Amino acid sequence: MDRIAVRRDLHKIPEIGFKEFKTQSYLLQFIQNLPQDRLEVKTWKTGILVKVKGQNPTKTIGYRTDIDGLPIVEETGYPFQSDHEGYMHACGHDFHMTIALSLLEYYSTHEVKDHLLFIFQPAEEGPGGALPMLDSEEFNSWKPDQMVALHIAPEYPVGTIATKPGLLFANTSELFIDLKGKGGHAAYPHHTRDMVVAASHLVTQFQSIVARNIDPLDSAVVTVGKIDGGTKQNIIAEKARVEGTIRSLSAESMTLVKQRIEAIVKGIEASFECSASIDYGSNYFQVNNDAALVGEFMEQADKLSDVSVIECREAMTGEDFGYFLKEIPGFMFWLGVNSDSGLHSSSLMPDEAAMDTAFQVMSDYFNRIAN
């Protein structure tokens, strides 16, 4: 398999959550061209499940890759940049899929004792594919006994993997707040209820949530990334919309942050005589690595030539793989790809040599635990 060619094919066709139709078609065509005697294939929405049948199975080991792209205008200058204007694989899912396909190709011709389940999951970036896939009949008919996944890490050099026991990624939630007051002429503010002013006060008050409500030994983030309100400089805004994200290192802190947001919004409604609605959008559960499984993985991976293993700190990154790990023991790790631009950047350019590292690490792991 030419990993670079496959990665570049996939890079050209990014699609957002549950609309990965070309991606699914490409993946299915690749899978259908493999030897089929050991493979069983199911589809779920735009996702795919592929079981590699073991010779004398006592368990099933799951490997999950995400498949969706992001609504970002690509600025890499690649000759193979996105064919889908306004969309990009800016989080490395083209890498993730290519690594999974290379492993699947290998195990389609190399026997293992236990079953391997390759999970091509849609909608990781939103609205969230892991939780509904986890509840699906298709997944549960082949439900694995343990699971593993990886994610590219621009900040680490190629040849490096990084992970840790316990909490790796945070709990996350989207945040959308719509405010409705009364618009009017800028010369008559006393006849209006100005939602630009209300939104400004709302965002300012949010700054006290973490500082004065969250235990300093815990951690949380409330970030407002977008405010939209008004139509013209001399018209007082009837409506405003605030969009942001919440991150926390514990489920308890996530609950507390949301309680404080709701209390502040009620106060804004009373203070500015307006109405407000809150939508938390996609919510992702924390990625919590099984200590024994990840510890053994790190110990063995560190013995491989040209592979450096780092025990990293937890991150405020969100990943819906956490829903799988809530029910099934397993772990996730970072794969160093050495890019100057970070995740979700329009100029993310991961080093394709990292795919070889991932194949080396994961084939070694499966050869040990599935035999």
Protein backbone atom coordinates (compact mmCIF):
# COMPACT_ATOMS: atom_id res chain seq x y z
CA MET A 1 0.00 0.00 0.00
CA ASP A 2 1.23 3.46 -0.90
CA ARG A 3 0.29 5.31 2.30
CA ILE A 4 1.22 8.71 0.95
CA ALA A 5 -0.96 8.29 -2.14
CA VAL A 6 -3.93 7.10 -0.07
CA ARG A 7 -3.53 9.93 2.42
CA ARG A 8 -3.44 12.48 -0.39
CA ASP A 9 -6.53 10.98 -2.01
CA LEU A 10 -8.41 11.29 1.27
CA HIS A 11 -7.04 14.77 1.93
CA LYS A 12 -8.74 15.98 -1.26
CA ILE A 13 -12.26 14.92 -0.21
CA PRO A 14 -12.97 16.27 3.30
CA GLU A 15 -16.62 16.10 4.35
CA ILE A 16 -18.38 17.17 7.53
CA GLY A 17 -20.12 14.92 10.03
CA PHE A 18 -22.62 12.37 8.70
CA LYS A 19 -22.07 13.68 5.16
CA GLU A 20 -18.89 11.68 4.50
CA PHE A 21 -20.39 10.03 1.41
CA LYS A 22 -17.36 10.20 -0.91
CA THR A 23 -15.11 9.23 2.00
CA GLN A 24 -17.19 6.18 2.82
CA SER A 25 -17.25 5.19 -0.85
CA TYR A 26 -13.45 5.50 -1.11
CA LEU A 27 -12.94 3.46 2.06
CA LEU A 28 -15.36 0.73 0.96
CA GLN A 29 -13.69 0.46 -2.43
CA PHE A 30 -10.29 0.06 -0.76
CA ILE A 31 -11.66 -2.56 1.63
CA GLN A 32 -13.39 -4.48 -1.18
CA ASN A 33 -10.06 -4.75 -3.02
CA LEU A 34 -8.46 -6.57 -0.07
CA PRO A 35 -8.53 -10.37 0.32
CA GLN A 36 -11.98 -11.07 1.76
CA ASP A 37 -11.63 -14.49 3.38
CA ARG A 38 -10.86 -13.05 6.85
CA LEU A 39 -13.01 -9.90 6.59
CA GLU A 40 -16.60 -9.08 7.48
CA VAL A 41 -17.95 -5.60 6.73
CA LYS A 42 -20.92 -3.62 8.03
CA THR A 43 -21.91 -0.02 7.43
CA TRP A 44 -23.58 2.32 9.91
CA LYS A 45 -24.75 5.68 8.55
CA THR A 46 -21.57 6.99 6.86
CA GLY A 47 -19.34 4.86 9.06
CA ILE A 48 -17.89 1.40 8.50
CA LEU A 49 -17.11 -1.57 10.74
CA VAL A 50 -14.62 -4.18 9.52
CA LYS A 51 -13.95 -7.35 11.51
CA VAL A 52 -10.76 -9.29 10.84
CA LYS A 53 -11.59 -12.79 12.01
CA GLY A 54 -9.14 -14.37 14.41
CA GLN A 55 -8.05 -18.01 14.13
CA ASN A 56 -8.94 -18.99 17.71
CA PRO A 57 -10.56 -15.91 19.25
CA THR A 58 -11.03 -15.29 22.95
CA LYS A 59 -11.60 -11.53 22.63
CA THR A 60 -12.12 -8.68 20.16
CA ILE A 61 -9.75 -5.71 20.02
CA GLY A 62 -11.14 -2.51 18.54
CA TYR A 63 -9.21 0.15 16.64
CA ARG A 64 -11.09 3.37 15.95
CA THR A 65 -10.39 6.07 13.38
CA ASP A 66 -12.45 9.20 12.73
CA ILE A 67 -13.25 10.11 9.13
CA ASP A 68 -14.78 13.62 8.93
CA GLY A 69 -13.26 16.96 7.96
CA LEU A 70 -13.79 20.56 9.07
CA PRO A 71 -15.45 23.65 7.54
CA ILE A 72 -12.11 25.44 7.02
CA VAL A 73 -10.73 27.06 3.86
CA GLU A 74 -7.42 25.29 3.20
CA GLU A 75 -4.27 27.42 2.93
CA THR A 76 -1.55 24.77 2.75
CA GLY A 77 -0.62 25.32 -0.88
CA TYR A 78 -0.53 21.54 -1.36
CA PRO A 79 -0.84 20.39 -4.97
CA PHE A 80 -3.34 17.87 -3.55
CA GLN A 81 -5.30 20.31 -1.40
CA SER A 82 -9.03 19.97 -0.83
CA ASP A 83 -11.31 19.62 -3.85
CA HIS A 84 -14.23 20.61 -1.61
CA GLU A 85 -14.13 24.39 -1.33
CA GLY A 86 -14.49 25.59 2.25
CA TYR A 87 -13.64 22.21 3.77
CA MET A 88 -10.35 20.70 4.91
CA HIS A 89 -8.82 17.79 6.79
CA ALA A 90 -7.37 20.17 9.36
CA CYS A 91 -7.36 17.72 12.27
CA GLY A 92 -5.46 14.83 10.72
CA HIS A 93 -8.35 12.50 10.04
CA ASP A 94 -6.88 11.80 6.60
CA PHE A 95 -3.80 10.49 8.45
CA HIS A 96 -5.95 8.52 10.89
CA MET A 97 -7.87 6.78 8.09
CA THR A 98 -4.72 5.97 6.13
CA ILE A 99 -3.08 4.38 9.16
CA ALA A 100 -6.20 2.30 9.81
CA LEU A 101 -6.34 1.15 6.18
CA SER A 102 -2.67 0.16 6.20
CA LEU A 103 -3.21 -1.93 9.33
CA LEU A 104 -6.34 -3.45 7.89
CA GLU A 105 -4.50 -4.37 4.69
CA TYR A 106 -1.73 -6.00 6.70
CA TYR A 107 -4.07 -8.08 8.86
CA SER A 108 -6.15 -9.15 5.89
CA THR A 109 -3.17 -11.37 4.96
CA HIS A 110 -1.51 -11.95 8.38
CA GLU A 111 -3.22 -14.27 10.84
CA VAL A 112 -3.97 -13.30 14.43
CA LYS A 113 -5.57 -15.39 17.15
CA ASP A 114 -8.15 -12.85 18.30
CA HIS A 115 -10.65 -10.77 16.35
CA LEU A 116 -9.67 -7.25 15.32
CA LEU A 117 -12.41 -4.68 14.74
CA PHE A 118 -11.61 -1.59 12.64
CA ILE A 119 -14.08 1.21 13.32
CA PHE A 120 -14.34 4.06 10.82
CA GLN A 121 -16.38 6.55 12.82
CA PRO A 122 -18.12 9.59 11.29
CA ALA A 123 -18.84 12.99 12.81
CA GLU A 124 -16.11 13.26 15.46
CA GLU A 125 -15.89 17.01 14.88
CA GLY A 126 -19.64 17.30 15.33
CA PRO A 127 -22.39 16.62 15.97
CA GLY A 128 -20.69 13.56 17.47
CA GLY A 129 -20.65 10.06 16.00
CA ALA A 130 -19.20 7.97 18.84
CA LEU A 131 -22.20 7.93 21.16
CA PRO A 132 -24.84 6.96 18.57
CA MET A 133 -22.46 4.43 17.02
CA LEU A 134 -21.83 2.95 20.46
CA ASP A 135 -25.59 2.48 20.86
CA SER A 136 -26.08 0.99 17.38
CA GLU A 137 -27.05 -2.61 16.68
CA GLU A 138 -24.18 -2.89 14.20
CA PHE A 139 -21.54 -1.94 16.75
CA ASN A 140 -23.00 -4.01 19.57
CA SER A 141 -23.13 -7.15 17.45
CA TRP A 142 -19.32 -6.98 17.30
CA LYS A 143 -18.67 -5.01 20.50
CA PRO A 144 -14.94 -5.15 21.32
CA ASP A 145 -13.47 -6.09 24.68
CA GLN A 146 -10.91 -3.30 24.53
CA MET A 147 -10.20 -0.33 22.27
CA VAL A 148 -7.39 1.90 21.09
CA ALA A 149 -7.13 5.05 18.97
CA LEU A 150 -4.55 7.68 18.11
CA HIS A 151 -4.54 11.36 17.24
CA ILE A 152 -1.90 13.36 15.41
CA ALA A 153 0.07 15.88 17.51
CA PRO A 154 1.69 18.72 15.54
CA GLU A 155 3.87 19.75 18.48
CA TYR A 156 5.76 16.44 18.77
CA PRO A 157 8.49 15.31 16.33
CA VAL A 158 8.02 12.34 14.05
CA GLY A 159 8.95 9.12 15.85
CA THR A 160 7.33 10.28 19.10
CA ILE A 161 4.19 9.00 20.74
CA ALA A 162 2.78 10.56 23.89
CA THR A 163 0.11 9.41 26.30
CA LYS A 164 -0.52 8.80 30.01
CA PRO A 165 -2.56 6.69 32.42
CA GLY A 166 -5.89 8.19 33.45
CA LEU A 167 -7.29 11.44 32.12
CA LEU A 168 -5.86 12.41 28.71
CA PHE A 169 -8.51 14.70 27.15
CA ALA A 170 -11.08 16.93 28.82
CA ASN A 171 -14.84 16.94 28.99
CA THR A 172 -16.08 19.38 26.37
CA SER A 173 -19.30 21.12 25.41
CA GLU A 174 -20.28 23.57 22.74
CA LEU A 175 -22.13 26.71 23.85
CA PHE A 176 -24.67 28.74 21.88
CA ILE A 177 -26.72 31.53 23.49
CA ASP A 178 -29.37 33.53 21.64
CA LEU A 179 -30.56 36.84 23.11
CA LYS A 180 -33.72 38.66 21.97
CA GLY A 181 -34.66 42.18 23.00
CA LYS A 182 -36.19 45.09 21.12
CA GLY A 183 -34.50 46.88 18.24
CA GLY A 184 -34.91 50.45 17.12
CA HIS A 185 -33.31 53.70 16.03
CA ALA A 186 -29.97 54.55 17.57
CA ALA A 187 -31.29 58.00 18.46
CA TYR A 188 -34.00 56.49 20.70
CA PRO A 189 -32.25 53.95 22.91
CA HIS A 190 -34.83 54.39 25.68
CA HIS A 191 -37.42 52.70 23.44
CA THR A 192 -35.24 49.64 22.86
CA ARG A 193 -33.63 46.68 24.59
CA ASP A 194 -30.08 46.57 23.19
CA MET A 195 -28.76 43.04 22.75
CA VAL A 196 -25.23 44.11 21.80
CA VAL A 197 -24.92 45.65 25.27
CA ALA A 198 -26.54 42.58 26.86
CA ALA A 199 -24.16 40.21 25.05
CA SER A 200 -21.17 42.31 26.10
CA HIS A 201 -22.18 42.12 29.76
CA LEU A 202 -22.83 38.40 29.42
CA VAL A 203 -19.34 37.67 28.10
CA THR A 204 -17.74 39.88 30.75
CA GLN A 205 -19.57 38.05 33.53
CA PHE A 206 -18.47 34.69 32.13
CA GLN A 207 -14.90 35.62 33.07
CA SER A 208 -15.70 35.07 36.75
CA ILE A 209 -17.02 31.53 36.34
CA VAL A 210 -13.69 29.70 36.42
CA ALA A 211 -11.88 32.28 38.54
CA ARG A 212 -14.40 32.25 41.38
CA ASN A 213 -16.22 28.91 41.14
CA ILE A 214 -13.78 26.18 40.10
CA ASP A 215 -11.36 24.61 42.56
CA PRO A 216 -7.87 25.95 41.68
CA LEU A 217 -6.60 22.35 41.81
CA ASP A 218 -9.14 21.38 39.17
CA SER A 219 -9.32 23.13 35.80
CA ALA A 220 -11.89 24.49 33.39
CA VAL A 221 -12.13 26.85 30.43
CA VAL A 222 -15.01 28.97 29.18
CA THR A 223 -14.15 30.58 25.84
CA VAL A 224 -16.41 32.78 23.72
CA GLY A 225 -15.11 32.65 20.16
CA LYS A 226 -17.87 34.50 18.32
CA ILE A 227 -20.41 37.25 18.97
CA ASP A 228 -22.95 38.16 16.29
CA GLY A 229 -25.41 41.04 16.70
CA GLY A 230 -26.88 43.98 14.86
CA THR A 231 -27.33 44.90 11.22
CA LYS A 232 -26.15 48.53 10.87
CA GLN A 233 -24.25 51.13 12.85
CA ASN A 234 -27.34 53.30 13.57
CA ILE A 235 -29.76 50.49 14.43
CA ILE A 236 -29.92 49.12 17.96
CA ALA A 237 -29.69 45.33 17.81
CA GLU A 238 -32.80 43.33 18.57
CA LYS A 239 -30.89 40.04 18.58
CA ALA A 240 -27.42 38.79 19.47
CA ARG A 241 -25.81 35.36 19.46
CA VAL A 242 -22.88 34.25 21.57
CA GLU A 243 -20.94 31.11 20.58
CA GLY A 244 -18.25 29.40 22.59
CA THR A 245 -16.90 26.25 24.17
CA ILE A 246 -16.57 24.79 27.66
CA ARG A 247 -13.75 22.48 28.75
CA SER A 248 -13.18 20.80 32.11
CA LEU A 249 -10.98 18.12 33.62
CA SER A 250 -13.82 16.64 35.66
CA ALA A 251 -17.48 15.90 35.00
CA GLU A 252 -18.35 17.69 38.24
CA SER A 253 -16.72 20.92 37.07
CA MET A 254 -18.56 20.72 33.74
CA THR A 255 -21.87 20.52 35.63
CA LEU A 256 -20.90 23.45 37.85
CA VAL A 257 -19.82 25.62 34.91
CA LYS A 258 -23.13 25.02 33.14
CA GLN A 259 -25.06 25.86 36.32
CA ARG A 260 -23.21 29.17 36.60
CA ILE A 261 -23.77 29.97 32.90
CA GLU A 262 -27.49 29.37 33.32
CA ALA A 263 -27.64 31.56 36.43
CA ILE A 264 -25.78 34.40 34.69
CA VAL A 265 -28.05 34.17 31.65
CA LYS A 266 -31.13 34.44 33.89
CA GLY A 267 -29.60 37.53 35.43
CA ILE A 268 -29.03 39.04 31.98
CA GLU A 269 -32.67 38.38 31.10
CA ALA A 270 -33.80 40.26 34.21
CA SER A 271 -31.28 43.09 33.89
CA PHE A 272 -31.87 43.83 30.20
CA GLU A 273 -35.54 42.82 29.95
CA CYS A 274 -34.83 40.30 27.23
CA SER A 275 -35.29 36.59 26.57
CA ALA A 276 -32.49 34.08 26.14
CA SER A 277 -32.02 30.47 25.11
CA ILE A 278 -29.03 28.17 25.69
CA ASP A 279 -27.95 25.29 23.45
CA TYR A 280 -25.00 23.14 24.54
CA GLY A 281 -24.62 21.53 21.10
CA SER A 282 -22.20 18.60 21.07
CA ASN A 283 -21.00 17.34 24.43
CA TYR A 284 -18.00 14.99 24.65
CA PHE A 285 -17.03 12.85 27.61
CA GLN A 286 -13.47 12.86 28.88
CA VAL A 287 -10.89 10.47 27.43
CA ASN A 288 -9.79 8.37 30.38
CA ASN A 289 -7.05 5.83 29.60
CA ASP A 290 -7.06 2.46 31.33
CA ALA A 291 -3.91 2.60 33.48
CA ALA A 292 -2.90 -1.05 33.05
CA LEU A 293 -3.49 -1.19 29.30
CA VAL A 294 -1.77 2.09 28.47
CA GLY A 295 1.09 1.33 30.85
CA GLU A 296 1.85 -1.95 29.10
CA PHE A 297 1.53 -0.25 25.69
CA MET A 298 3.98 2.51 26.66
CA GLU A 299 6.48 0.04 28.10
CA GLN A 300 6.52 -2.12 24.96
CA ALA A 301 6.45 0.78 22.48
CA ASP A 302 9.49 2.28 24.17
CA LYS A 303 11.47 -0.83 23.20
CA LEU A 304 10.92 -0.22 19.47
CA SER A 305 13.73 1.25 17.44
CA ASP A 306 13.20 4.84 16.27
CA VAL A 307 10.22 5.32 18.62
CA SER A 308 10.31 7.69 21.57
CA VAL A 309 7.60 7.42 24.23
CA ILE A 310 6.67 10.44 26.33
CA GLU A 311 4.33 10.52 29.32
CA CYS A 312 2.47 13.75 28.60
CA ARG A 313 0.13 15.94 30.60
CA GLU A 314 -3.63 15.91 30.17
CA ALA A 315 -5.01 18.37 27.60
CA MET A 316 -8.16 20.46 27.23
CA THR A 317 -8.68 18.86 23.82
CA GLY A 318 -12.06 17.22 23.25
CA GLU A 319 -12.59 13.80 21.61
CA ASP A 320 -15.75 11.75 21.44
CA PHE A 321 -13.63 8.59 21.68
CA GLY A 322 -14.16 9.19 25.40
CA TYR A 323 -17.65 7.69 25.07
CA PHE A 324 -16.15 4.40 23.90
CA LEU A 325 -13.69 4.38 26.81
CA LYS A 326 -16.51 5.11 29.26
CA GLU A 327 -17.89 1.63 28.45
CA ILE A 328 -14.90 -0.29 27.10
CA PRO A 329 -11.37 -0.35 28.59
CA GLY A 330 -8.69 1.07 26.34
CA PHE A 331 -6.59 4.12 25.60
CA MET A 332 -5.65 6.84 23.16
CA PHE A 333 -2.25 8.29 22.33
CA TRP A 334 -0.75 11.25 20.51
CA LEU A 335 1.28 10.63 17.34
CA GLY A 336 3.98 13.22 16.64
CA VAL A 337 3.72 14.74 13.14
CA ASN A 338 5.98 17.82 13.45
CA SER A 339 3.86 20.62 11.97
CA ASP A 340 4.47 24.32 12.57
CA SER A 341 0.71 24.88 12.37
CA GLY A 342 -1.59 23.30 14.91
CA LEU A 343 -4.80 21.32 14.85
CA HIS A 344 -7.76 23.06 13.17
CA SER A 345 -5.35 25.40 11.38
CA SER A 346 -5.87 26.15 7.69
CA SER A 347 -2.14 25.57 7.16
CA LEU A 348 -1.73 22.27 9.07
CA MET A 349 0.91 20.22 7.20
CA PRO A 350 1.76 17.03 9.13
CA ASP A 351 4.84 15.05 8.14
CA GLU A 352 3.71 11.97 6.22
CA ALA A 353 6.62 9.93 7.64
CA ALA A 354 4.66 9.75 10.89
CA MET A 355 2.31 7.23 9.30
CA ASP A 356 5.18 4.74 9.21
CA THR A 357 5.74 5.25 12.93
CA ALA A 358 2.06 4.64 13.63
CA PHE A 359 2.05 1.44 11.58
CA GLN A 360 5.17 0.18 13.35
CA VAL A 361 3.76 0.91 16.81
CA MET A 362 0.26 -0.46 16.19
CA SER A 363 1.28 -3.60 14.27
CA ASP A 364 3.70 -4.44 17.06
CA TYR A 365 0.92 -3.89 19.61
CA PHE A 366 -1.66 -6.03 17.78
CA ASN A 367 0.87 -8.79 17.11
CA ARG A 368 1.49 -9.05 20.84
CA ILE A 369 -1.98 -8.71 22.34
CA ALA A 370 -4.00 -10.48 19.62
CA ASN A 371 -1.82 -13.62 19.56
